[in-house]
Amino acid sequence: MFTDKKLIYRNLNCSDKRELIEQLCDKLEIAGVVASSSEFFQAIWQREENFSTGIGRNVAIPHGKSATVKETKLILALLPQGIEYDSLDGQPVKIVFMFAVPTGRNQEYMTLLAKVTKFVRDESNRHKLLDAKNDQELLDQIREVINE
């Protein structure tokens, strides 16, 4: 499985993109997904410095491939207040899907990315995520999207 309840964060509190990514990397290390949160952060941050993963529509999809990642996982964070993220449309980010991918797992990652990207294009889907009443409802929605 690519996600579970321990990788879902509703109402995450952070002030900017860097703090958000640091928190999510720490959570991945605590969950045992990555061996080193700082090493994984570097992989993610290097990608962000080249091109923002804020795709617009209040969504960001930061991602990184690294040898520190033990298995492909998806972490979801909701930020109802929104944060500045240097998004393509200039809007704040409220929904974050972060992918942690081991080196060499490109096909798996591309398949998941395509499914998530297609899902978030639909405004009603984004509202469903933000309006979810609990973690289980979010988990069920994500698993449906990625066919788990």
C-alpha atoms as a PDB file:
ATOM      1  CA  MET A   1       0.000   0.000   0.000  1.00  0.00           C
ATOM      2  CA  PHE A   2       1.223   3.436  -0.905  1.00  0.00           C
ATOM      3  CA  THR A   3      -0.405   5.277   1.993  1.00  0.00           C
ATOM      4  CA  ASP A   4      -2.047   4.745   5.365  1.00  0.00           C
ATOM      5  CA  LYS A   5      -3.524   6.769   8.226  1.00  0.00           C
ATOM      6  CA  LYS A   6      -0.145   7.605   9.716  1.00  0.00           C
ATOM      7  CA  LEU A   7       0.672   9.449   6.467  1.00  0.00           C
ATOM      8  CA  ILE A   8      -2.381  11.717   6.501  1.00  0.00           C
ATOM      9  CA  TYR A   9      -2.250  15.110   8.177  1.00  0.00           C
ATOM     10  CA  ARG A  10      -5.275  17.340   8.439  1.00  0.00           C
ATOM     11  CA  ASN A  11      -4.875  20.948   9.521  1.00  0.00           C
ATOM     12  CA  LEU A  12      -1.100  20.868   9.364  1.00  0.00           C
ATOM     13  CA  ASN A  13       0.339  24.041  10.863  1.00  0.00           C
ATOM     14  CA  CYS A  14       3.289  25.586   9.044  1.00  0.00           C
ATOM     15  CA  SER A  15       4.153  29.049   7.813  1.00  0.00           C
ATOM     16  CA  ASP A  16       5.914  28.453   4.499  1.00  0.00           C
ATOM     17  CA  LYS A  17       6.946  25.913   1.883  1.00  0.00           C
ATOM     18  CA  ARG A  18      10.298  25.076   3.459  1.00  0.00           C
ATOM     19  CA  GLU A  19       8.777  24.425   6.887  1.00  0.00           C
ATOM     20  CA  LEU A  20       6.040  22.312   5.301  1.00  0.00           C
ATOM     21  CA  ILE A  21       8.504  20.127   3.422  1.00  0.00           C
ATOM     22  CA  GLU A  22      10.744  19.768   6.487  1.00  0.00           C
ATOM     23  CA  GLN A  23       7.753  18.670   8.601  1.00  0.00           C
ATOM     24  CA  LEU A  24       6.610  16.140   6.011  1.00  0.00           C
ATOM     25  CA  CYS A  25      10.123  14.708   5.654  1.00  0.00           C
ATOM     26  CA  ASP A  26      10.339  14.361   9.449  1.00  0.00           C
ATOM     27  CA  LYS A  27       6.980  12.581   9.477  1.00  0.00           C
ATOM     28  CA  LEU A  28       8.222  10.181   6.789  1.00  0.00           C
ATOM     29  CA  GLU A  29      11.258   9.352   8.926  1.00  0.00           C
ATOM     30  CA  ILE A  30       9.107   8.814  12.030  1.00  0.00           C
ATOM     31  CA  ALA A  31       6.857   6.489   9.987  1.00  0.00           C
ATOM     32  CA  GLY A  32       9.903   4.496   8.853  1.00  0.00           C
ATOM     33  CA  VAL A  33       9.510   5.417   5.181  1.00  0.00           C
ATOM     34  CA  VAL A  34      12.873   7.177   4.914  1.00  0.00           C
ATOM     35  CA  ALA A  35      16.083   6.452   6.779  1.00  0.00           C
ATOM     36  CA  SER A  36      17.089  10.131   6.878  1.00  0.00           C
ATOM     37  CA  SER A  37      14.645  13.030   6.821  1.00  0.00           C
ATOM     38  CA  SER A  38      17.441  15.512   6.131  1.00  0.00           C
ATOM     39  CA  GLU A  39      18.731  13.516   3.159  1.00  0.00           C
ATOM     40  CA  PHE A  40      15.233  13.187   1.737  1.00  0.00           C
ATOM     41  CA  PHE A  41      14.581  16.893   2.356  1.00  0.00           C
ATOM     42  CA  GLN A  42      17.637  17.705   0.226  1.00  0.00           C
ATOM     43  CA  ALA A  43      16.242  15.622  -2.643  1.00  0.00           C
ATOM     44  CA  ILE A  44      12.866  17.380  -2.401  1.00  0.00           C
ATOM     45  CA  TRP A  45      14.296  20.855  -1.914  1.00  0.00           C
ATOM     46  CA  GLN A  46      16.683  20.537  -4.847  1.00  0.00           C
ATOM     47  CA  ARG A  47      13.658  19.789  -7.035  1.00  0.00           C
ATOM     48  CA  GLU A  48      11.772  22.798  -5.612  1.00  0.00           C
ATOM     49  CA  GLU A  49      14.696  25.119  -6.309  1.00  0.00           C
ATOM     50  CA  ASN A  50      14.676  24.065  -9.958  1.00  0.00           C
ATOM     51  CA  PHE A  51      10.905  24.266 -10.438  1.00  0.00           C
ATOM     52  CA  SER A  52       8.055  24.673  -7.958  1.00  0.00           C
ATOM     53  CA  THR A  53       5.784  21.676  -7.527  1.00  0.00           C
ATOM     54  CA  GLY A  54       2.886  24.007  -6.754  1.00  0.00           C
ATOM     55  CA  ILE A  55       0.797  22.969  -9.768  1.00  0.00           C
ATOM     56  CA  GLY A  56      -2.003  25.474  -9.185  1.00  0.00           C
ATOM     57  CA  ARG A  57      -5.588  25.066  -8.006  1.00  0.00           C
ATOM     58  CA  ASN A  58      -4.297  25.163  -4.389  1.00  0.00           C
ATOM     59  CA  VAL A  59      -2.357  21.901  -4.918  1.00  0.00           C
ATOM     60  CA  ALA A  60       1.317  21.005  -4.591  1.00  0.00           C
ATOM     61  CA  ILE A  61       2.928  17.669  -5.391  1.00  0.00           C
ATOM     62  CA  PRO A  62       6.476  17.741  -4.005  1.00  0.00           C
ATOM     63  CA  HIS A  63       8.386  14.587  -4.799  1.00  0.00           C
ATOM     64  CA  GLY A  64      11.809  13.112  -4.598  1.00  0.00           C
ATOM     65  CA  LYS A  65      13.715   9.989  -5.443  1.00  0.00           C
ATOM     66  CA  SER A  66      16.436   8.982  -3.069  1.00  0.00           C
ATOM     67  CA  ALA A  67      18.340   5.984  -1.792  1.00  0.00           C
ATOM     68  CA  THR A  68      17.170   6.939   1.720  1.00  0.00           C
ATOM     69  CA  VAL A  69      13.580   6.012   0.776  1.00  0.00           C
ATOM     70  CA  LYS A  70      12.740   2.443   1.794  1.00  0.00           C
ATOM     71  CA  GLU A  71       9.488   2.063  -0.188  1.00  0.00           C
ATOM     72  CA  THR A  72       7.281   4.246  -2.371  1.00  0.00           C
ATOM     73  CA  LYS A  73       4.810   6.167  -0.227  1.00  0.00           C
ATOM     74  CA  LEU A  74       2.375   9.017  -0.574  1.00  0.00           C
ATOM     75  CA  ILE A  75       1.825  11.460   2.274  1.00  0.00           C
ATOM     76  CA  LEU A  76      -1.157  13.819   2.243  1.00  0.00           C
ATOM     77  CA  ALA A  77      -1.297  17.112   4.105  1.00  0.00           C
ATOM     78  CA  LEU A  78      -4.170  19.561   4.216  1.00  0.00           C
ATOM     79  CA  LEU A  79      -3.565  23.215   5.005  1.00  0.00           C
ATOM     80  CA  PRO A  80      -7.033  24.808   5.101  1.00  0.00           C
ATOM     81  CA  GLN A  81      -5.541  28.241   5.789  1.00  0.00           C
ATOM     82  CA  GLY A  82      -3.232  27.906   2.771  1.00  0.00           C
ATOM     83  CA  ILE A  83       0.447  28.826   2.537  1.00  0.00           C
ATOM     84  CA  GLU A  84       2.538  30.686  -0.028  1.00  0.00           C
ATOM     85  CA  TYR A  85       4.208  28.061  -2.200  1.00  0.00           C
ATOM     86  CA  ASP A  86       5.379  29.825  -5.358  1.00  0.00           C
ATOM     87  CA  SER A  87       2.634  28.006  -7.281  1.00  0.00           C
ATOM     88  CA  LEU A  88       2.234  28.299 -11.020  1.00  0.00           C
ATOM     89  CA  ASP A  89      -1.009  30.262 -10.592  1.00  0.00           C
ATOM     90  CA  GLY A  90       0.235  32.349  -7.651  1.00  0.00           C
ATOM     91  CA  GLN A  91      -2.445  30.939  -5.343  1.00  0.00           C
ATOM     92  CA  PRO A  92      -1.749  29.521  -1.859  1.00  0.00           C
ATOM     93  CA  VAL A  93      -1.457  25.765  -1.422  1.00  0.00           C
ATOM     94  CA  LYS A  94      -4.040  23.920   0.672  1.00  0.00           C
ATOM     95  CA  ILE A  95      -3.592  20.317  -0.513  1.00  0.00           C
ATOM     96  CA  VAL A  96      -0.187  18.619  -0.602  1.00  0.00           C
ATOM     97  CA  PHE A  97       0.575  15.176  -1.973  1.00  0.00           C
ATOM     98  CA  MET A  98       4.230  14.314  -1.307  1.00  0.00           C
ATOM     99  CA  PHE A  99       5.752  11.279  -2.983  1.00  0.00           C
ATOM    100  CA  ALA A 100       8.745   9.476  -1.496  1.00  0.00           C
ATOM    101  CA  VAL A 101      10.258   7.164  -4.095  1.00  0.00           C
ATOM    102  CA  PRO A 102      13.266   4.861  -3.887  1.00  0.00           C
ATOM    103  CA  THR A 103      15.875   5.331  -6.582  1.00  0.00           C
ATOM    104  CA  GLY A 104      14.984   3.342  -9.699  1.00  0.00           C
ATOM    105  CA  ARG A 105      11.201   3.161  -9.162  1.00  0.00           C
ATOM    106  CA  ASN A 106      10.274   5.629 -11.911  1.00  0.00           C
ATOM    107  CA  GLN A 107       7.380   3.701 -13.485  1.00  0.00           C
ATOM    108  CA  GLU A 108       5.581   3.228 -10.193  1.00  0.00           C
ATOM    109  CA  TYR A 109       6.018   6.902  -9.381  1.00  0.00           C
ATOM    110  CA  MET A 110       4.830   8.100 -12.815  1.00  0.00           C
ATOM    111  CA  THR A 111       1.679   5.968 -12.568  1.00  0.00           C
ATOM    112  CA  LEU A 112       0.801   7.354  -9.128  1.00  0.00           C
ATOM    113  CA  LEU A 113       1.572  10.920 -10.188  1.00  0.00           C
ATOM    114  CA  ALA A 114      -0.713  10.626 -13.215  1.00  0.00           C
ATOM    115  CA  LYS A 115      -3.593   9.331 -11.095  1.00  0.00           C
ATOM    116  CA  VAL A 116      -3.248  12.051  -8.457  1.00  0.00           C
ATOM    117  CA  THR A 117      -2.844  14.809 -11.039  1.00  0.00           C
ATOM    118  CA  LYS A 118      -5.966  13.705 -12.884  1.00  0.00           C
ATOM    119  CA  PHE A 119      -7.929  13.564  -9.611  1.00  0.00           C
ATOM    120  CA  VAL A 120      -6.998  17.073  -8.422  1.00  0.00           C
ATOM    121  CA  ARG A 121      -7.893  18.695 -11.737  1.00  0.00           C
ATOM    122  CA  ASP A 122     -11.555  18.295 -10.773  1.00  0.00           C
ATOM    123  CA  GLU A 123     -12.664  21.026  -8.366  1.00  0.00           C
ATOM    124  CA  SER A 124     -15.228  18.773  -6.664  1.00  0.00           C
ATOM    125  CA  ASN A 125     -12.470  16.275  -5.833  1.00  0.00           C
ATOM    126  CA  ARG A 126     -10.383  18.997  -4.198  1.00  0.00           C
ATOM    127  CA  HIS A 127     -13.398  20.064  -2.141  1.00  0.00           C
ATOM    128  CA  LYS A 128     -14.006  16.457  -1.083  1.00  0.00           C
ATOM    129  CA  LEU A 129     -10.507  16.317   0.358  1.00  0.00           C
ATOM    130  CA  LEU A 130     -10.773  19.644   2.174  1.00  0.00           C
ATOM    131  CA  ASP A 131     -14.246  18.801   3.506  1.00  0.00           C
ATOM    132  CA  ALA A 132     -13.392  15.297   4.730  1.00  0.00           C
ATOM    133  CA  LYS A 133     -14.622  14.747   8.275  1.00  0.00           C
ATOM    134  CA  ASN A 134     -11.825  12.422   9.408  1.00  0.00           C
ATOM    135  CA  ASP A 135      -8.606  10.665   8.429  1.00  0.00           C
ATOM    136  CA  GLN A 136     -10.388   7.467   7.385  1.00  0.00           C
ATOM    137  CA  GLU A 137     -12.536   9.379   4.897  1.00  0.00           C
ATOM    138  CA  LEU A 138      -9.384  10.938   3.426  1.00  0.00           C
ATOM    139  CA  LEU A 139      -7.622   7.586   3.305  1.00  0.00           C
ATOM    140  CA  ASP A 140     -10.580   5.997   1.522  1.00  0.00           C
ATOM    141  CA  GLN A 141     -10.625   8.799  -1.054  1.00  0.00           C
ATOM    142  CA  ILE A 142      -6.895   8.517  -1.743  1.00  0.00           C
ATOM    143  CA  ARG A 143      -6.985   4.734  -1.986  1.00  0.00           C
ATOM    144  CA  GLU A 144      -9.799   5.009  -4.502  1.00  0.00           C
ATOM    145  CA  VAL A 145      -7.753   7.455  -6.569  1.00  0.00           C
ATOM    146  CA  ILE A 146      -4.663   5.271  -6.642  1.00  0.00           C
ATOM    147  CA  ASN A 147      -6.626   2.017  -6.888  1.00  0.00           C
ATOM    148  CA  GLU A 148      -5.456   0.430  -3.635  1.00  0.00           C
END
